[in-house]
C-alpha atoms as a PDB file:
ATOM      1  CA  MET A   1       0.119   0.281  -0.050  1.00  0.00           C
ATOM      2  CA  ARG A   2       1.651   3.643  -0.971  1.00  0.00           C
ATOM      3  CA  VAL A   3       2.125   5.876   1.759  1.00  0.00           C
ATOM      4  CA  VAL A   4       0.606   9.251   1.565  1.00  0.00           C
ATOM      5  CA  TYR A   5       2.200  12.237   2.718  1.00  0.00           C
ATOM      6  CA  VAL A   6      -0.220  15.053   3.850  1.00  0.00           C
ATOM      7  CA  ASP A   7       2.359  17.624   3.108  1.00  0.00           C
ATOM      8  CA  VAL A   8       2.609  16.402  -0.005  1.00  0.00           C
ATOM      9  CA  LEU A   9      -0.558  16.100  -0.893  1.00  0.00           C
ATOM     10  CA  PHE A  10      -1.847  19.675   0.511  1.00  0.00           C
ATOM     11  CA  MET A  11       1.364  21.043  -1.262  1.00  0.00           C
ATOM     12  CA  SER A  12       0.236  19.606  -4.606  1.00  0.00           C
ATOM     13  CA  ASN A  13      -3.315  20.432  -4.531  1.00  0.00           C
ATOM     14  CA  LEU A  14      -2.175  24.511  -3.589  1.00  0.00           C
ATOM     15  CA  ALA A  15       0.363  24.553  -6.331  1.00  0.00           C
ATOM     16  CA  VAL A  16      -2.061  23.270  -9.219  1.00  0.00           C
ATOM     17  CA  ASN A  17      -5.620  24.936  -7.682  1.00  0.00           C
ATOM     18  CA  TYR A  18      -3.280  28.339  -7.962  1.00  0.00           C
ATOM     19  CA  LEU A  19      -2.273  28.016 -11.518  1.00  0.00           C
ATOM     20  CA  LEU A  20      -5.226  26.880 -12.399  1.00  0.00           C
ATOM     21  CA  LEU A  21      -7.246  29.941 -10.650  1.00  0.00           C
ATOM     22  CA  VAL A  22      -4.917  31.976 -12.517  1.00  0.00           C
ATOM     23  CA  LEU A  23      -5.190  30.459 -15.732  1.00  0.00           C
ATOM     24  CA  THR A  24      -9.245  30.301 -15.074  1.00  0.00           C
ATOM     25  CA  ALA A  25      -8.953  34.772 -15.041  1.00  0.00           C
ATOM     26  CA  ARG A  26      -6.958  34.951 -17.781  1.00  0.00           C
ATOM     27  CA  VAL A  27      -8.993  32.603 -20.122  1.00  0.00           C
ATOM     28  CA  SER A  28     -12.147  34.387 -18.850  1.00  0.00           C
ATOM     29  CA  GLY A  29     -11.156  37.785 -19.089  1.00  0.00           C
ATOM     30  CA  VAL A  30     -12.532  37.931 -15.239  1.00  0.00           C
ATOM     31  CA  TYR A  31      -9.546  39.190 -12.543  1.00  0.00           C
ATOM     32  CA  THR A  32      -9.182  39.284  -8.587  1.00  0.00           C
ATOM     33  CA  SER A  33      -6.328  39.788  -6.443  1.00  0.00           C
ATOM     34  CA  ARG A  34      -3.488  37.268  -6.196  1.00  0.00           C
ATOM     35  CA  PRO A  35      -4.325  36.762  -2.513  1.00  0.00           C
ATOM     36  CA  ARG A  36      -8.596  35.360  -3.547  1.00  0.00           C
ATOM     37  CA  LEU A  37      -6.749  33.559  -5.613  1.00  0.00           C
ATOM     38  CA  LEU A  38      -3.989  31.798  -3.089  1.00  0.00           C
ATOM     39  CA  CYS A  39      -6.936  31.443  -0.693  1.00  0.00           C
ATOM     40  CA  GLY A  40      -9.345  29.770  -2.841  1.00  0.00           C
ATOM     41  CA  GLY A  41      -6.452  27.334  -3.914  1.00  0.00           C
ATOM     42  CA  ALA A  42      -5.743  26.797  -0.404  1.00  0.00           C
ATOM     43  CA  LEU A  43      -9.199  25.879   0.681  1.00  0.00           C
ATOM     44  CA  GLY A  44      -9.321  23.620  -2.557  1.00  0.00           C
ATOM     45  CA  ALA A  45      -5.966  21.971  -0.692  1.00  0.00           C
ATOM     46  CA  VAL A  46      -7.535  21.692   2.490  1.00  0.00           C
ATOM     47  CA  PHE A  47     -10.688  19.761   1.073  1.00  0.00           C
ATOM     48  CA  ALA A  48      -8.243  17.765  -0.901  1.00  0.00           C
ATOM     49  CA  VAL A  49      -6.680  16.332   1.735  1.00  0.00           C
ATOM     50  CA  PHE A  50     -10.253  15.315   3.398  1.00  0.00           C
ATOM     51  CA  LEU A  51     -11.765  14.068   0.177  1.00  0.00           C
ATOM     52  CA  PHE A  52      -8.616  11.555  -0.843  1.00  0.00           C
ATOM     53  CA  PHE A  53      -8.975   9.110   2.012  1.00  0.00           C
ATOM     54  CA  PRO A  54     -12.453   8.179   3.023  1.00  0.00           C
ATOM     55  CA  GLU A  55     -13.855   5.782   0.487  1.00  0.00           C
ATOM     56  CA  LEU A  56     -16.423   7.187  -1.533  1.00  0.00           C
ATOM     57  CA  PRO A  57     -18.767   5.748  -4.092  1.00  0.00           C
ATOM     58  CA  PRO A  58     -17.724   7.313  -7.777  1.00  0.00           C
ATOM     59  CA  ALA A  59     -21.081   9.118  -8.090  1.00  0.00           C
ATOM     60  CA  ALA A  60     -20.545  10.775  -4.206  1.00  0.00           C
ATOM     61  CA  ALA A  61     -16.917  11.033  -5.462  1.00  0.00           C
ATOM     62  CA  LEU A  62     -18.177  13.130  -8.919  1.00  0.00           C
ATOM     63  CA  VAL A  63     -20.545  15.858  -6.682  1.00  0.00           C
ATOM     64  CA  ALA A  64     -18.224  16.230  -4.055  1.00  0.00           C
ATOM     65  CA  ARG A  65     -15.599  17.367  -6.173  1.00  0.00           C
ATOM     66  CA  ILE A  66     -17.742  19.519  -8.451  1.00  0.00           C
ATOM     67  CA  LEU A  67     -19.140  21.099  -5.407  1.00  0.00           C
ATOM     68  CA  LEU A  68     -15.561  21.377  -4.618  1.00  0.00           C
ATOM     69  CA  CYS A  69     -14.277  23.042  -7.471  1.00  0.00           C
ATOM     70  CA  ALA A  70     -17.772  25.358  -6.661  1.00  0.00           C
ATOM     71  CA  ALA A  71     -16.177  26.322  -3.431  1.00  0.00           C
ATOM     72  CA  ILE A  72     -12.831  27.021  -4.907  1.00  0.00           C
ATOM     73  CA  VAL A  73     -13.954  29.395  -7.420  1.00  0.00           C
ATOM     74  CA  LEU A  74     -16.535  31.455  -4.904  1.00  0.00           C
ATOM     75  CA  VAL A  75     -13.997  32.335  -2.892  1.00  0.00           C
ATOM     76  CA  ALA A  76     -11.598  33.404  -5.615  1.00  0.00           C
ATOM     77  CA  PHE A  77     -14.274  35.227  -7.417  1.00  0.00           C
ATOM     78  CA  ASN A  78     -17.062  36.215  -4.810  1.00  0.00           C
ATOM     79  CA  ARG A  79     -16.979  39.743  -5.866  1.00  0.00           C
ATOM     80  CA  GLU A  80     -18.286  39.014  -9.142  1.00  0.00           C
ATOM     81  CA  PRO A  81     -22.099  38.597 -10.393  1.00  0.00           C
ATOM     82  CA  LEU A  82     -23.876  35.195  -9.641  1.00  0.00           C
ATOM     83  CA  ARG A  83     -23.793  35.108 -13.918  1.00  0.00           C
ATOM     84  CA  VAL A  84     -19.807  35.370 -14.363  1.00  0.00           C
ATOM     85  CA  VAL A  85     -19.375  33.214 -11.245  1.00  0.00           C
ATOM     86  CA  ARG A  86     -21.467  30.450 -13.432  1.00  0.00           C
ATOM     87  CA  ARG A  87     -19.263  30.667 -16.549  1.00  0.00           C
ATOM     88  CA  VAL A  88     -16.163  30.988 -14.427  1.00  0.00           C
ATOM     89  CA  CYS A  89     -16.641  27.831 -12.989  1.00  0.00           C
ATOM     90  CA  LEU A  90     -17.062  26.049 -15.626  1.00  0.00           C
ATOM     91  CA  ILE A  91     -14.282  27.103 -17.401  1.00  0.00           C
ATOM     92  CA  PHE A  92     -12.035  26.318 -14.359  1.00  0.00           C
ATOM     93  CA  LEU A  93     -13.843  22.669 -14.624  1.00  0.00           C
ATOM     94  CA  ALA A  94     -12.955  22.408 -18.180  1.00  0.00           C
ATOM     95  CA  LEU A  95      -8.609  23.682 -17.229  1.00  0.00           C
ATOM     96  CA  SER A  96      -8.981  20.928 -14.739  1.00  0.00           C
ATOM     97  CA  PHE A  97     -10.027  18.076 -16.623  1.00  0.00           C
ATOM     98  CA  ALA A  98      -7.338  19.237 -18.995  1.00  0.00           C
ATOM     99  CA  LEU A  99      -4.396  19.795 -16.715  1.00  0.00           C
ATOM    100  CA  ALA A 100      -5.382  16.249 -14.982  1.00  0.00           C
ATOM    101  CA  GLY A 101      -5.671  14.751 -18.476  1.00  0.00           C
ATOM    102  CA  GLY A 102      -1.927  16.654 -19.596  1.00  0.00           C
ATOM    103  CA  MET A 103      -0.513  14.989 -15.603  1.00  0.00           C
ATOM    104  CA  VAL A 104      -1.875  11.672 -16.598  1.00  0.00           C
ATOM    105  CA  ALA A 105       0.238  11.387 -20.048  1.00  0.00           C
ATOM    106  CA  LEU A 106       2.947  13.062 -18.284  1.00  0.00           C
ATOM    107  CA  MET A 107       3.063  10.413 -15.573  1.00  0.00           C
ATOM    108  CA  ALA A 108       2.787   7.790 -18.335  1.00  0.00           C
ATOM    109  CA  LEU A 109       5.672   8.844 -19.764  1.00  0.00           C
ATOM    110  CA  VAL A 110       7.776   9.035 -16.354  1.00  0.00           C
ATOM    111  CA  GLY A 111       6.393   5.309 -15.656  1.00  0.00           C
ATOM    112  CA  PRO A 112       3.497   3.671 -13.756  1.00  0.00           C
ATOM    113  CA  GLY A 113       3.299   4.555  -9.851  1.00  0.00           C
ATOM    114  CA  GLY A 114       3.457   7.643 -10.210  1.00  0.00           C
ATOM    115  CA  LEU A 115       0.138   8.846  -9.670  1.00  0.00           C
ATOM    116  CA  GLU A 116      -2.258   7.830  -7.484  1.00  0.00           C
ATOM    117  CA  ALA A 117      -5.760   9.078  -7.637  1.00  0.00           C
ATOM    118  CA  ARG A 118      -8.744   8.938  -4.954  1.00  0.00           C
ATOM    119  CA  ASN A 119     -12.388  10.591  -5.137  1.00  0.00           C
ATOM    120  CA  GLY A 120     -10.925  12.475  -7.596  1.00  0.00           C
ATOM    121  CA  VAL A 121      -8.251  13.952  -5.971  1.00  0.00           C
ATOM    122  CA  PRO A 122      -5.049  12.999  -7.581  1.00  0.00           C
ATOM    123  CA  TYR A 123      -1.337  12.669  -5.432  1.00  0.00           C
ATOM    124  CA  PHE A 124       1.623  12.825  -7.168  1.00  0.00           C
ATOM    125  CA  ASP A 125       4.891  10.939  -6.441  1.00  0.00           C
ATOM    126  CA  LEU A 126       7.069  13.264  -7.500  1.00  0.00           C
ATOM    127  CA  SER A 127       9.663  15.587  -6.168  1.00  0.00           C
ATOM    128  CA  LEU A 128       8.178  18.343  -5.683  1.00  0.00           C
ATOM    129  CA  ARG A 129      10.803  20.360  -7.952  1.00  0.00           C
ATOM    130  CA  MET A 130       9.437  17.628 -10.429  1.00  0.00           C
ATOM    131  CA  LEU A 131       5.585  18.337  -9.976  1.00  0.00           C
ATOM    132  CA  LEU A 132       6.293  22.395 -10.084  1.00  0.00           C
ATOM    133  CA  GLY A 133       7.977  22.435 -13.291  1.00  0.00           C
ATOM    134  CA  ALA A 134       5.402  19.598 -14.449  1.00  0.00           C
ATOM    135  CA  THR A 135       2.413  21.297 -13.702  1.00  0.00           C
ATOM    136  CA  LEU A 136       4.002  25.164 -14.861  1.00  0.00           C
ATOM    137  CA  GLY A 137       5.030  23.158 -18.210  1.00  0.00           C
ATOM    138  CA  ILE A 138       1.311  21.862 -18.746  1.00  0.00           C
ATOM    139  CA  TYR A 139      -0.210  25.607 -17.638  1.00  0.00           C
ATOM    140  CA  GLY A 140       1.998  26.999 -20.276  1.00  0.00           C
ATOM    141  CA  LEU A 141       0.548  25.033 -22.682  1.00  0.00           C
ATOM    142  CA  LEU A 142      -3.023  25.288 -21.732  1.00  0.00           C
ATOM    143  CA  GLY A 143      -2.356  28.997 -21.802  1.00  0.00           C
ATOM    144  CA  LEU A 144      -0.841  29.023 -25.367  1.00  0.00           C
ATOM    145  CA  ILE A 145      -4.237  27.518 -26.393  1.00  0.00           C
ATOM    146  CA  PHE A 146      -6.729  29.009 -23.981  1.00  0.00           C
ATOM    147  CA  GLY A 147      -5.234  32.268 -23.153  1.00  0.00           C
ATOM    148  CA  HIS A 148      -7.030  34.387 -25.186  1.00  0.00           C
ATOM    149  CA  ALA A 149     -10.440  32.824 -25.485  1.00  0.00           C
ATOM    150  CA  GLY A 150     -11.984  35.205 -23.222  1.00  0.00           C
ATOM    151  CA  MET A 151      -9.973  38.705 -24.396  1.00  0.00           C
ATOM    152  CA  ALA A 152     -11.636  39.181 -27.312  1.00  0.00           C
ATOM    153  CA  VAL A 153     -14.928  39.592 -25.997  1.00  0.00           C
ATOM    154  CA  LYS A 154     -13.649  42.075 -23.468  1.00  0.00           C
ATOM    155  CA  SER A 155     -12.664  44.452 -26.154  1.00  0.00           C
ATOM    156  CA  LYS A 156     -15.858  46.877 -26.536  1.00  0.00           C
ATOM    157  CA  THR A 157     -17.462  50.290 -25.557  1.00  0.00           C
ATOM    158  CA  VAL A 158     -19.152  50.812 -22.008  1.00  0.00           C
ATOM    159  CA  GLU A 159     -20.711  53.757 -20.184  1.00  0.00           C
ATOM    160  CA  ILE A 160     -18.830  54.591 -17.066  1.00  0.00           C
ATOM    161  CA  ALA A 161     -20.364  56.703 -13.895  1.00  0.00           C
ATOM    162  CA  LEU A 162     -17.975  57.209 -11.537  1.00  0.00           C
ATOM    163  CA  GLU A 163     -19.005  58.590  -7.546  1.00  0.00           C
ATOM    164  CA  ASN A 164     -16.601  60.572  -4.898  1.00  0.00           C
ATOM    165  CA  SER A 165     -17.546  62.663  -2.375  1.00  0.00           C
ATOM    166  CA  GLY A 166     -20.655  63.519  -3.258  1.00  0.00           C
ATOM    167  CA  ARG A 167     -19.563  64.398  -6.887  1.00  0.00           C
ATOM    168  CA  SER A 168     -20.052  62.858 -10.266  1.00  0.00           C
ATOM    169  CA  VAL A 169     -18.967  61.977 -13.437  1.00  0.00           C
ATOM    170  CA  LYS A 170     -20.307  59.919 -16.449  1.00  0.00           C
ATOM    171  CA  LEU A 171     -18.210  59.344 -19.243  1.00  0.00           C
ATOM    172  CA  LYS A 172     -17.951  56.514 -21.936  1.00  0.00           C
ATOM    173  CA  GLY A 173     -14.684  54.200 -22.240  1.00  0.00           C
ATOM    174  CA  PHE A 174     -13.725  51.252 -24.115  1.00  0.00           C
ATOM    175  CA  THR A 175     -12.193  47.610 -22.386  1.00  0.00           C
ATOM    176  CA  ASP A 176      -8.557  47.256 -23.637  1.00  0.00           C
ATOM    177  CA  THR A 177      -6.869  44.016 -23.259  1.00  0.00           C
ATOM    178  CA  GLY A 178      -3.206  45.932 -23.102  1.00  0.00           C
ATOM    179  CA  ASN A 179      -4.220  47.978 -20.433  1.00  0.00           C
ATOM    180  CA  LEU A 180      -3.306  44.647 -17.627  1.00  0.00           C
ATOM    181  CA  MET A 181      -2.343  46.689 -14.577  1.00  0.00           C
ATOM    182  CA  ARG A 182      -3.072  45.869 -11.028  1.00  0.00           C
ATOM    183  CA  ASP A 183      -2.603  47.304  -7.652  1.00  0.00           C
ATOM    184  CA  PRO A 184       0.444  45.370  -6.444  1.00  0.00           C
ATOM    185  CA  ILE A 185      -1.487  45.572  -2.949  1.00  0.00           C
ATOM    186  CA  GLY A 186      -5.164  44.522  -3.591  1.00  0.00           C
ATOM    187  CA  GLY A 187      -4.683  43.449  -6.828  1.00  0.00           C
ATOM    188  CA  LYS A 188      -7.500  45.821  -8.285  1.00  0.00           C
ATOM    189  CA  ARG A 189      -7.993  46.738 -12.024  1.00  0.00           C
ATOM    190  CA  VAL A 190      -7.223  49.920 -12.975  1.00  0.00           C
ATOM    191  CA  ILE A 191      -9.973  52.504 -14.974  1.00  0.00           C
ATOM    192  CA  VAL A 192      -7.528  55.346 -16.592  1.00  0.00           C
ATOM    193  CA  ILE A 193      -9.392  58.854 -16.817  1.00  0.00           C
ATOM    194  CA  ALA A 194      -7.656  62.120 -18.078  1.00  0.00           C
ATOM    195  CA  PRO A 195      -6.619  64.547 -15.171  1.00  0.00           C
ATOM    196  CA  SER A 196      -9.595  67.161 -16.470  1.00  0.00           C
ATOM    197  CA  LEU A 197     -11.856  64.439 -15.139  1.00  0.00           C
ATOM    198  CA  ALA A 198      -9.884  63.208 -12.163  1.00  0.00           C
ATOM    199  CA  ALA A 199     -10.296  67.107 -10.980  1.00  0.00           C
ATOM    200  CA  ARG A 200     -13.971  66.934 -11.103  1.00  0.00           C
ATOM    201  CA  LEU A 201     -13.987  63.317  -8.802  1.00  0.00           C
ATOM    202  CA  PHE A 202     -12.220  64.954  -6.000  1.00  0.00           C
ATOM    203  CA  PRO A 203     -12.515  67.184  -3.518  1.00  0.00           C
ATOM    204  CA  GLU A 204     -10.593  70.766  -3.898  1.00  0.00           C
ATOM    205  CA  ALA A 205      -7.753  70.073  -2.228  1.00  0.00           C
ATOM    206  CA  GLU A 206      -6.845  67.006  -4.370  1.00  0.00           C
ATOM    207  CA  SER A 207      -8.037  68.109  -7.486  1.00  0.00           C
ATOM    208  CA  ALA A 208      -5.813  71.260  -7.575  1.00  0.00           C
ATOM    209  CA  LEU A 209      -2.950  69.218  -7.740  1.00  0.00           C
ATOM    210  CA  LEU A 210      -4.612  66.936 -10.956  1.00  0.00           C
ATOM    211  CA  GLY A 211      -2.916  68.795 -14.071  1.00  0.00           C
ATOM    212  CA  VAL A 212      -0.565  70.756 -12.424  1.00  0.00           C
ATOM    213  CA  GLU A 213       2.584  68.385 -11.569  1.00  0.00           C
ATOM    214  CA  ALA A 214       3.762  66.590 -14.313  1.00  0.00           C
ATOM    215  CA  ASP A 215       5.531  64.255 -12.498  1.00  0.00           C
ATOM    216  CA  PRO A 216       4.088  60.750 -10.937  1.00  0.00           C
ATOM    217  CA  ALA A 217       6.501  59.903  -8.204  1.00  0.00           C
ATOM    218  CA  ARG A 218       5.900  63.776  -6.775  1.00  0.00           C
ATOM    219  CA  LEU A 219       2.247  64.081  -7.479  1.00  0.00           C
ATOM    220  CA  PHE A 220       1.770  60.858  -5.192  1.00  0.00           C
ATOM    221  CA  THR A 221       3.669  61.987  -2.722  1.00  0.00           C
ATOM    222  CA  GLN A 222       1.404  65.524  -2.746  1.00  0.00           C
ATOM    223  CA  LEU A 223      -1.770  63.432  -3.231  1.00  0.00           C
ATOM    224  CA  SER A 224      -0.777  61.230  -0.469  1.00  0.00           C
ATOM    225  CA  ALA A 225       0.142  64.410   2.282  1.00  0.00           C
ATOM    226  CA  ALA A 226      -3.546  65.417   1.067  1.00  0.00           C
ATOM    227  CA  ALA A 227      -5.449  62.410   1.373  1.00  0.00           C
ATOM    228  CA  PRO A 228      -3.510  59.673   3.164  1.00  0.00           C
ATOM    229  CA  GLY A 229      -4.656  55.912   1.918  1.00  0.00           C
ATOM    230  CA  ARG A 230      -6.474  56.932  -1.020  1.00  0.00           C
ATOM    231  CA  PHE A 231      -3.838  56.909  -3.573  1.00  0.00           C
ATOM    232  CA  ARG A 232      -1.209  54.330  -5.189  1.00  0.00           C
ATOM    233  CA  LEU A 233       1.458  54.579  -7.325  1.00  0.00           C
ATOM    234  CA  MET A 234       1.705  51.873  -9.816  1.00  0.00           C
ATOM    235  CA  PRO A 235       4.325  51.170 -12.866  1.00  0.00           C
ATOM    236  CA  CYS A 236       2.682  51.208 -16.274  1.00  0.00           C
ATOM    237  CA  LYS A 237       3.396  50.597 -19.617  1.00  0.00           C
ATOM    238  CA  THR A 238       3.124  52.736 -22.506  1.00  0.00           C
ATOM    239  CA  ALA A 239       3.436  53.194 -26.397  1.00  0.00           C
ATOM    240  CA  GLY A 240       6.385  55.240 -25.035  1.00  0.00           C
ATOM    241  CA  GLY A 241       7.871  52.941 -22.590  1.00  0.00           C
ATOM    242  CA  SER A 242       7.647  51.945 -18.791  1.00  0.00           C
ATOM    243  CA  GLY A 243       6.858  54.345 -16.005  1.00  0.00           C
ATOM    244  CA  LEU A 244       4.751  55.460 -13.197  1.00  0.00           C
ATOM    245  CA  MET A 245       0.575  55.919 -12.799  1.00  0.00           C
ATOM    246  CA  VAL A 246      -1.313  57.385  -9.821  1.00  0.00           C
ATOM    247  CA  ALA A 247      -4.560  55.730  -9.174  1.00  0.00           C
ATOM    248  CA  GLY A 248      -6.987  56.615  -6.443  1.00  0.00           C
ATOM    249  CA  LYS A 249     -10.071  54.931  -4.701  1.00  0.00           C
ATOM    250  CA  ILE A 250     -13.233  56.306  -5.270  1.00  0.00           C
ATOM    251  CA  ASP A 251     -16.997  55.799  -3.358  1.00  0.00           C
ATOM    252  CA  LYS A 252     -18.827  53.945  -6.717  1.00  0.00           C
ATOM    253  CA  ILE A 253     -18.458  52.680  -9.865  1.00  0.00           C
ATOM    254  CA  THR A 254     -20.526  51.819 -12.245  1.00  0.00           C
ATOM    255  CA  LEU A 255     -20.126  50.053 -15.529  1.00  0.00           C
ATOM    256  CA  ASP A 256     -22.887  49.488 -18.223  1.00  0.00           C
ATOM    257  CA  GLY A 257     -25.251  50.158 -15.131  1.00  0.00           C
ATOM    258  CA  LYS A 258     -23.874  47.173 -13.052  1.00  0.00           C
ATOM    259  CA  PRO A 259     -21.236  47.881  -9.748  1.00  0.00           C
ATOM    260  CA  GLY A 260     -18.018  47.738 -10.943  1.00  0.00           C
ATOM    261  CA  HIS A 261     -16.521  46.336  -8.275  1.00  0.00           C
ATOM    262  CA  GLY A 262     -12.685  45.714  -7.630  1.00  0.00           C
ATOM    263  CA  TYR A 263     -11.413  48.804  -9.530  1.00  0.00           C
ATOM    264  CA  LEU A 264      -9.087  52.349  -8.908  1.00  0.00           C
ATOM    265  CA  VAL A 265      -9.068  55.013 -11.109  1.00  0.00           C
ATOM    266  CA  GLY A 266      -6.156  55.498 -12.956  1.00  0.00           C
ATOM    267  CA  ILE A 267      -4.755  59.823 -13.742  1.00  0.00           C
ATOM    268  CA  ALA A 268      -3.354  59.433 -17.255  1.00  0.00           C
ATOM    269  CA  ALA A 269      -0.247  61.746 -17.874  1.00  0.00           C
ATOM    270  CA  GLN A 270      -2.554  63.841 -20.542  1.00  0.00           C
ATOM    271  CA  GLU A 271      -6.301  63.983 -22.350  1.00  0.00           C
ATOM    272  CA  LEU A 272      -7.524  60.941 -23.771  1.00  0.00           C
ATOM    273  CA  GLU A 273     -10.420  60.604 -26.174  1.00  0.00           C
ATOM    274  CA  THR A 274     -10.763  58.376 -28.985  1.00  0.00           C
ATOM    275  CA  ALA A 275     -12.865  58.830 -32.331  1.00  0.00           C
ATOM    276  CA  GLY A 276     -15.789  57.343 -31.061  1.00  0.00           C
ATOM    277  CA  GLY A 277     -15.475  59.515 -27.889  1.00  0.00           C
ATOM    278  CA  CYS A 278     -14.391  57.257 -25.097  1.00  0.00           C
ATOM    279  CA  ARG A 279     -12.468  58.629 -22.790  1.00  0.00           C
ATOM    280  CA  ALA A 280     -11.648  56.056 -20.310  1.00  0.00           C
ATOM    281  CA  ILE A 281      -9.383  53.081 -20.591  1.00  0.00           C
ATOM    282  CA  VAL A 282     -11.233  49.861 -18.944  1.00  0.00           C
ATOM    283  CA  GLY A 283      -8.287  47.408 -17.901  1.00  0.00           C
ATOM    284  CA  VAL A 284      -9.585  43.779 -18.073  1.00  0.00           C
END
């Protein structure tokens, strides 16, 4: 009888679940913070340990595995509407089966006895280095195959309503698959708007600085002194190269009439407006 090490079982499932969630976010175009992805992966790893050992009928094991996948997705993407969570859950299940098939094929090359599964939970009799290498390799392959599936759907215009401190701005924006900026602390996405629009959202002490100070680092320092904790300084890439951008938290964001959770408002260095009248760039 094979000796199963609980720490190996936990760590292998944590690594696999986390990478699956990252790939699910990439495929679906629905992004969340890294800590939430890690929490979802950890939840799956904990329950995988408990699900691995009891003897369950095949039907019960399948139902338990599906419920576990749903719980993982709910933890990682719980700020999204239910209809979005359902779609993400189906993508996560499909990628799980694809990854499992890849691992089985790989283990067949390595040799018999390297893989054991109980109740749908895999246990890999490999060193941690080999397991991570194999998982990353298959993750990269799946990313090449599926990685752009969800991105094209996000390329569309949206009606945006921004509210903050009793002030409001309505404008049109477009989703841009090239805008992958994330808040380095919370992992929030960014809606980039012109400084003239941002000035209409923030109190006078903060709005007076927008459009006057061109250097993002100095602007961030001045804004942080006026409103501690409201603003972030994050790296960004433009057609001209890499740089920095200031982004701020506001009270309410609505996209096409629906709550836009998980966004910051980024302040561009210059005015923005496309031929279609869009004055904001929405990150995906």
